[in-house]
C-alpha atoms as a PDB file:
ATOM      1  CA  MET A   1       0.012   0.022   0.030  1.00  0.00           C
ATOM      2  CA  LYS A   2       1.366   3.399  -0.861  1.00  0.00           C
ATOM      3  CA  PHE A   3       0.613   6.487   1.128  1.00  0.00           C
ATOM      4  CA  SER A   4       0.323  10.027  -0.119  1.00  0.00           C
ATOM      5  CA  THR A   5       3.710  11.188   1.259  1.00  0.00           C
ATOM      6  CA  SER A   6       6.518  12.173  -1.008  1.00  0.00           C
ATOM      7  CA  ASP A   7       9.232  11.269   1.416  1.00  0.00           C
ATOM      8  CA  GLY A   8       8.433   7.567   1.746  1.00  0.00           C
ATOM      9  CA  HIS A   9       8.029   7.960   5.475  1.00  0.00           C
ATOM     10  CA  PHE A  10       5.210   5.333   5.596  1.00  0.00           C
ATOM     11  CA  LEU A  11       7.131   2.940   3.411  1.00  0.00           C
ATOM     12  CA  GLY A  12       9.986   2.607   5.862  1.00  0.00           C
ATOM     13  CA  ASP A  13      10.300   1.221   9.353  1.00  0.00           C
ATOM     14  CA  TRP A  14       8.758   4.226  11.165  1.00  0.00           C
ATOM     15  CA  GLY A  15       5.290   5.441  11.611  1.00  0.00           C
ATOM     16  CA  VAL A  16       2.928   6.728  14.324  1.00  0.00           C
ATOM     17  CA  ILE A  17       0.392   4.867  16.493  1.00  0.00           C
ATOM     18  CA  GLU A  18      -1.687   6.985  18.841  1.00  0.00           C
ATOM     19  CA  ILE A  19      -4.075   5.400  21.309  1.00  0.00           C
ATOM     20  CA  ASN A  20      -6.136   6.558  24.253  1.00  0.00           C
ATOM     21  CA  ALA A  21      -8.137   3.589  25.463  1.00  0.00           C
ATOM     22  CA  LEU A  22     -10.177   3.058  28.683  1.00  0.00           C
ATOM     23  CA  CYS A  23     -10.256  -0.678  29.488  1.00  0.00           C
ATOM     24  CA  ASP A  24     -11.232  -3.007  32.266  1.00  0.00           C
ATOM     25  CA  THR A  25     -10.625  -6.551  31.146  1.00  0.00           C
ATOM     26  CA  LEU A  26      -7.585  -8.702  30.280  1.00  0.00           C
ATOM     27  CA  LYS A  27      -8.841  -8.997  26.677  1.00  0.00           C
ATOM     28  CA  THR A  28      -9.053  -5.167  26.192  1.00  0.00           C
ATOM     29  CA  LEU A  29      -5.625  -4.855  27.947  1.00  0.00           C
ATOM     30  CA  LYS A  30      -4.159  -7.187  25.388  1.00  0.00           C
ATOM     31  CA  GLY A  31      -5.848  -5.548  22.364  1.00  0.00           C
ATOM     32  CA  SER A  32      -4.848  -2.132  23.445  1.00  0.00           C
ATOM     33  CA  LEU A  33      -1.229  -3.091  24.060  1.00  0.00           C
ATOM     34  CA  MET A  34      -1.047  -4.773  20.689  1.00  0.00           C
ATOM     35  CA  VAL A  35      -2.107  -1.460  19.104  1.00  0.00           C
ATOM     36  CA  ALA A  36       0.174   0.656  21.364  1.00  0.00           C
ATOM     37  CA  PHE A  37       3.195  -1.551  20.666  1.00  0.00           C
ATOM     38  CA  GLY A  38       2.384  -1.781  16.959  1.00  0.00           C
ATOM     39  CA  GLU A  39       5.078   0.746  15.944  1.00  0.00           C
ATOM     40  CA  HIS A  40       7.828   0.383  18.480  1.00  0.00           C
ATOM     41  CA  ARG A  41       7.420  -3.307  18.945  1.00  0.00           C
ATOM     42  CA  ASP A  42       9.408  -3.711  22.229  1.00  0.00           C
ATOM     43  CA  ALA A  43       9.818  -1.998  25.553  1.00  0.00           C
ATOM     44  CA  THR A  44      13.278  -1.819  27.095  1.00  0.00           C
ATOM     45  CA  HIS A  45      12.718   0.560  30.138  1.00  0.00           C
ATOM     46  CA  TYR A  46      10.041   1.390  32.599  1.00  0.00           C
ATOM     47  CA  LYS A  47       9.091   3.947  35.248  1.00  0.00           C
ATOM     48  CA  VAL A  48       6.403   4.137  37.815  1.00  0.00           C
ATOM     49  CA  ILE A  49       5.007   7.699  38.181  1.00  0.00           C
ATOM     50  CA  GLU A  50       3.162   8.870  41.232  1.00  0.00           C
ATOM     51  CA  ASP A  51       0.265  11.291  40.651  1.00  0.00           C
ATOM     52  CA  GLU A  52      -0.012  13.437  43.719  1.00  0.00           C
ATOM     53  CA  LYS A  53      -3.017  15.257  42.268  1.00  0.00           C
ATOM     54  CA  THR A  54      -5.269  12.175  42.128  1.00  0.00           C
ATOM     55  CA  GLY A  55      -3.533   9.806  44.614  1.00  0.00           C
ATOM     56  CA  GLY A  56      -3.016   7.290  41.799  1.00  0.00           C
ATOM     57  CA  ASN A  57      -0.004   6.184  39.824  1.00  0.00           C
ATOM     58  CA  MET A  58       0.971   5.129  36.301  1.00  0.00           C
ATOM     59  CA  LEU A  59       3.363   2.792  34.590  1.00  0.00           C
ATOM     60  CA  ALA A  60       5.326   4.102  31.610  1.00  0.00           C
ATOM     61  CA  LEU A  61       6.938   1.484  29.289  1.00  0.00           C
ATOM     62  CA  TYR A  62       9.599   3.000  27.012  1.00  0.00           C
ATOM     63  CA  TRP A  63      10.963   1.765  23.747  1.00  0.00           C
ATOM     64  CA  THR A  64      14.388   3.279  24.389  1.00  0.00           C
ATOM     65  CA  LYS A  65      16.637   4.315  27.243  1.00  0.00           C
ATOM     66  CA  ARG A  66      15.533   7.257  29.402  1.00  0.00           C
ATOM     67  CA  ASP A  67      17.648   8.864  32.071  1.00  0.00           C
ATOM     68  CA  ASP A  68      14.971   8.527  34.772  1.00  0.00           C
ATOM     69  CA  ALA A  69      13.726   5.016  33.844  1.00  0.00           C
ATOM     70  CA  PHE A  70      14.889   1.600  34.894  1.00  0.00           C
ATOM     71  CA  PRO A  71      15.945  -1.038  32.352  1.00  0.00           C
ATOM     72  CA  LEU A  72      13.769  -4.081  31.976  1.00  0.00           C
ATOM     73  CA  PRO A  73      15.719  -7.369  32.415  1.00  0.00           C
ATOM     74  CA  PHE A  74      15.041  -8.113  28.726  1.00  0.00           C
ATOM     75  CA  LYS A  75      12.969  -6.598  25.938  1.00  0.00           C
ATOM     76  CA  ILE A  76       9.296  -7.157  26.153  1.00  0.00           C
ATOM     77  CA  ASP A  77       6.914  -7.230  23.278  1.00  0.00           C
ATOM     78  CA  ALA A  78       3.070  -6.619  23.518  1.00  0.00           C
ATOM     79  CA  ASN A  79       2.427 -10.250  24.505  1.00  0.00           C
ATOM     80  CA  LEU A  80       4.865 -10.185  27.405  1.00  0.00           C
ATOM     81  CA  ALA A  81       3.680  -6.673  28.381  1.00  0.00           C
ATOM     82  CA  VAL A  82       0.152  -7.974  28.874  1.00  0.00           C
ATOM     83  CA  ASP A  83       1.247 -10.208  31.770  1.00  0.00           C
ATOM     84  CA  PHE A  84       3.736  -7.599  33.099  1.00  0.00           C
ATOM     85  CA  VAL A  85       1.126  -4.891  33.183  1.00  0.00           C
ATOM     86  CA  ALA A  86      -1.631  -7.094  34.581  1.00  0.00           C
ATOM     87  CA  GLN A  87       0.536  -8.086  37.407  1.00  0.00           C
ATOM     88  CA  TRP A  88       1.718  -4.580  38.056  1.00  0.00           C
ATOM     89  CA  LEU A  89      -1.903  -3.350  38.176  1.00  0.00           C
ATOM     90  CA  GLU A  90      -2.721  -6.119  40.567  1.00  0.00           C
ATOM     91  CA  ALA A  91       0.248  -5.634  42.908  1.00  0.00           C
ATOM     92  CA  ASN A  92       1.103  -1.934  42.616  1.00  0.00           C
ATOM     93  CA  GLY A  93      -1.554  -0.072  40.718  1.00  0.00           C
ATOM     94  CA  LYS A  94      -3.102   2.850  42.655  1.00  0.00           C
ATOM     95  CA  TRP A  95      -6.493   4.047  41.566  1.00  0.00           C
ATOM     96  CA  PRO A  96      -7.454   7.738  41.952  1.00  0.00           C
ATOM     97  CA  LYS A  97      -8.916   8.316  45.444  1.00  0.00           C
ATOM     98  CA  GLN A  98     -12.000  10.111  44.025  1.00  0.00           C
ATOM     99  CA  ARG A  99     -14.459   7.863  42.203  1.00  0.00           C
ATOM    100  CA  PRO A 100     -16.674   9.366  39.514  1.00  0.00           C
ATOM    101  CA  ASP A 101     -19.963  10.652  40.690  1.00  0.00           C
ATOM    102  CA  THR A 102     -22.509   8.519  38.807  1.00  0.00           C
ATOM    103  CA  ASP A 103     -25.808   6.760  39.279  1.00  0.00           C
ATOM    104  CA  GLY A 104     -24.308   3.754  37.447  1.00  0.00           C
ATOM    105  CA  ASP A 105     -21.621   1.238  38.286  1.00  0.00           C
ATOM    106  CA  CYS A 106     -18.046   2.176  38.729  1.00  0.00           C
ATOM    107  CA  HIS A 107     -15.237  -0.367  38.348  1.00  0.00           C
ATOM    108  CA  ALA A 108     -11.463  -0.414  38.574  1.00  0.00           C
ATOM    109  CA  GLY A 109     -10.118  -0.154  35.123  1.00  0.00           C
ATOM    110  CA  PHE A 110      -7.118   1.531  33.356  1.00  0.00           C
ATOM    111  CA  ARG A 111      -6.312   3.840  30.611  1.00  0.00           C
ATOM    112  CA  ILE A 112      -3.649   3.030  28.034  1.00  0.00           C
ATOM    113  CA  GLN A 113      -2.055   5.872  26.081  1.00  0.00           C
ATOM    114  CA  SER A 114       0.636   6.161  23.407  1.00  0.00           C
ATOM    115  CA  GLY A 115       1.602   9.040  21.211  1.00  0.00           C
ATOM    116  CA  TRP A 116       2.034  12.579  22.340  1.00  0.00           C
ATOM    117  CA  SER A 117      -0.915  14.657  21.261  1.00  0.00           C
ATOM    118  CA  GLN A 118      -3.003  17.101  23.275  1.00  0.00           C
ATOM    119  CA  GLY A 119      -5.363  15.614  25.829  1.00  0.00           C
ATOM    120  CA  LYS A 120      -2.851  13.006  26.941  1.00  0.00           C
ATOM    121  CA  SER A 121      -0.995  12.788  30.206  1.00  0.00           C
ATOM    122  CA  GLU A 122       2.088  14.996  30.295  1.00  0.00           C
ATOM    123  CA  HIS A 123       4.002  11.807  30.887  1.00  0.00           C
ATOM    124  CA  CYS A 124       3.013  10.252  27.519  1.00  0.00           C
ATOM    125  CA  ASP A 125       5.776  11.509  25.363  1.00  0.00           C
ATOM    126  CA  PHE A 126       7.510  10.384  22.136  1.00  0.00           C
ATOM    127  CA  TYR A 127       9.448   7.689  23.872  1.00  0.00           C
ATOM    128  CA  VAL A 128       6.555   5.926  25.537  1.00  0.00           C
ATOM    129  CA  ALA A 129       5.491   2.609  24.011  1.00  0.00           C
ATOM    130  CA  ALA A 130       2.567   2.499  26.372  1.00  0.00           C
ATOM    131  CA  LEU A 131       1.513   4.527  29.431  1.00  0.00           C
ATOM    132  CA  ILE A 132      -0.837   2.587  31.789  1.00  0.00           C
ATOM    133  CA  ILE A 133      -2.929   4.676  34.129  1.00  0.00           C
ATOM    134  CA  PRO A 134      -5.250   3.010  36.691  1.00  0.00           C
ATOM    135  CA  GLY A 135      -8.594   4.685  36.466  1.00  0.00           C
ATOM    136  CA  TRP A 136     -12.326   4.188  36.939  1.00  0.00           C
ATOM    137  CA  THR A 137     -14.635   2.824  34.241  1.00  0.00           C
ATOM    138  CA  VAL A 138     -18.171   3.979  34.530  1.00  0.00           C
ATOM    139  CA  TYR A 139     -21.179   1.900  33.409  1.00  0.00           C
ATOM    140  CA  GLY A 140     -24.122   4.363  33.213  1.00  0.00           C
ATOM    141  CA  LYS A 141     -27.756   3.606  33.129  1.00  0.00           C
END
């Protein structure tokens, strides 16, 4: 497939995937990570970021070395990331202290972001393969 760029950007090894998904199941975690990792393919470093404003935290998986991130013991692809993230959420994920005010149901979920456009966390930059943010999913009436 040819794209309409004259520089061949989309024909090479580089492209852009941008995702901002709210999930609450293992299946949606896997699907979202498959999309988020679609371009960078592997994560090599990680960092846990505390969010003092909400009382929650987030996990950043980077596709390259970052000064303030820790190296993973080996590269992880999207399939390995599913288990890593699920276990991190279970053991260390901190959900925002304030639950949404709703007349429906509210469950522990998570947001997955990649890319660096407006509306994303300030921690979701160019080097993030996936940013996992514990959050509340709302099932309204």
